[in-house]
Amino acid sequence: MKKNTILCTAVLSVIALNGLLNSQILLAAEPTIQSGENTYLDFRKETIYFVFLDRFSDGDPNNNTGKNAETYNPNNLKKYIGGDIK
């Protein structure tokens, strides 16, 4: 359990550091103005991070409130379980 927490913390730290470094590079670059019709931002070339918190360790069982039995079942790993970063 402790190894999972350390691993999750390390992964989130790397993601945060990567985002911070990338934002510093973007802030240091000078803005350019493009002319023409293709001035939209192509999100297919962007990096987007999304973290699924329902697969983390359950650090606080007091906040486990499953109101819908069809979507919440702690005994079924294919359903939403919930998780805490603690």
Protein backbone atom coordinates (compact mmCIF):
# COMPACT_ATOMS: atom_id res chain seq x y z
CA MET A 1 0.00 0.00 0.00
CA LYS A 2 2.82 2.38 0.86
CA LYS A 3 4.61 1.53 -2.41
CA ASN A 4 1.47 2.41 -4.38
CA THR A 5 1.20 5.75 -2.60
CA ILE A 6 4.84 6.55 -3.27
CA LEU A 7 4.48 5.50 -6.91
CA CYS A 8 1.35 7.62 -7.39
CA THR A 9 3.03 10.60 -5.77
CA ALA A 10 6.06 10.19 -8.02
CA VAL A 11 3.92 9.95 -11.17
CA LEU A 12 1.91 13.04 -10.26
CA SER A 13 5.10 14.93 -9.42
CA VAL A 14 6.59 14.11 -12.82
CA ILE A 15 3.40 15.21 -14.58
CA ALA A 16 3.29 18.47 -12.62
CA LEU A 17 6.98 19.16 -13.21
CA ASN A 18 6.62 18.44 -16.92
CA GLY A 19 3.68 20.86 -17.14
CA LEU A 20 5.61 23.51 -15.22
CA LEU A 21 8.67 23.20 -17.44
CA ASN A 22 6.57 23.32 -20.60
CA SER A 23 4.74 26.43 -19.39
CA GLN A 24 8.06 28.15 -18.62
CA ILE A 25 9.24 27.45 -22.15
CA LEU A 26 6.01 28.87 -23.56
CA LEU A 27 6.25 31.97 -21.37
CA ALA A 28 9.81 32.61 -22.53
CA ALA A 29 8.88 32.42 -26.22
CA GLU A 30 7.89 35.60 -28.02
CA PRO A 31 4.37 35.65 -29.42
CA THR A 32 3.97 35.48 -33.16
CA ILE A 33 1.02 36.69 -35.15
CA GLN A 34 -0.06 34.52 -38.03
CA SER A 35 -2.07 35.85 -40.89
CA GLY A 36 -4.42 33.79 -42.95
CA GLU A 37 -7.31 31.43 -42.38
CA ASN A 38 -5.45 28.70 -40.44
CA THR A 39 -4.97 30.57 -37.16
CA TYR A 40 -6.90 28.08 -34.99
CA LEU A 41 -5.23 25.97 -32.32
CA ASP A 42 -4.99 22.34 -33.34
CA PHE A 43 -5.60 20.38 -30.13
CA ARG A 44 -4.42 17.16 -31.79
CA LYS A 45 -0.87 18.49 -31.40
CA GLU A 46 -1.30 19.53 -27.74
CA THR A 47 -0.53 17.49 -24.63
CA ILE A 48 -3.51 17.07 -22.32
CA TYR A 49 -3.22 15.27 -18.98
CA PHE A 50 -6.13 13.61 -17.23
CA VAL A 51 -5.77 11.65 -14.01
CA PHE A 52 -8.32 9.01 -13.03
CA LEU A 53 -8.62 9.39 -9.27
CA ASP A 54 -10.97 6.44 -8.90
CA ARG A 55 -8.05 4.02 -9.29
CA PHE A 56 -5.94 5.43 -6.46
CA SER A 57 -5.69 3.88 -3.03
CA ASP A 58 -8.57 4.59 -0.69
CA GLY A 59 -6.85 6.70 1.96
CA ASP A 60 -10.04 7.95 3.63
CA PRO A 61 -12.89 5.40 3.76
CA ASN A 62 -15.12 7.95 5.53
CA ASN A 63 -15.86 9.75 2.25
CA ASN A 64 -16.97 6.64 0.35
CA THR A 65 -20.58 7.38 -0.46
CA GLY A 66 -22.01 5.23 -3.18
CA LYS A 67 -25.52 6.49 -3.89
CA ASN A 68 -26.08 4.43 -7.03
CA ALA A 69 -25.55 0.68 -6.69
CA GLU A 70 -25.30 0.31 -10.48
CA THR A 71 -22.20 2.51 -10.69
CA TYR A 72 -20.63 2.19 -7.23
CA ASN A 73 -19.48 -1.16 -5.89
CA PRO A 74 -16.15 -1.36 -4.03
CA ASN A 75 -16.04 -5.12 -4.61
CA ASN A 76 -16.26 -4.82 -8.41
CA LEU A 77 -13.09 -3.28 -9.91
CA LYS A 78 -14.85 -2.57 -13.23
CA LYS A 79 -17.11 -0.02 -11.55
CA TYR A 80 -16.29 3.35 -10.03
CA ILE A 81 -14.55 2.81 -6.72
CA GLY A 82 -13.23 6.19 -5.67
CA GLY A 83 -9.82 7.11 -4.43
CA ASP A 84 -7.90 9.63 -2.40
CA ILE A 85 -4.47 11.10 -2.79
CA LYS A 86 -3.33 10.79 0.81
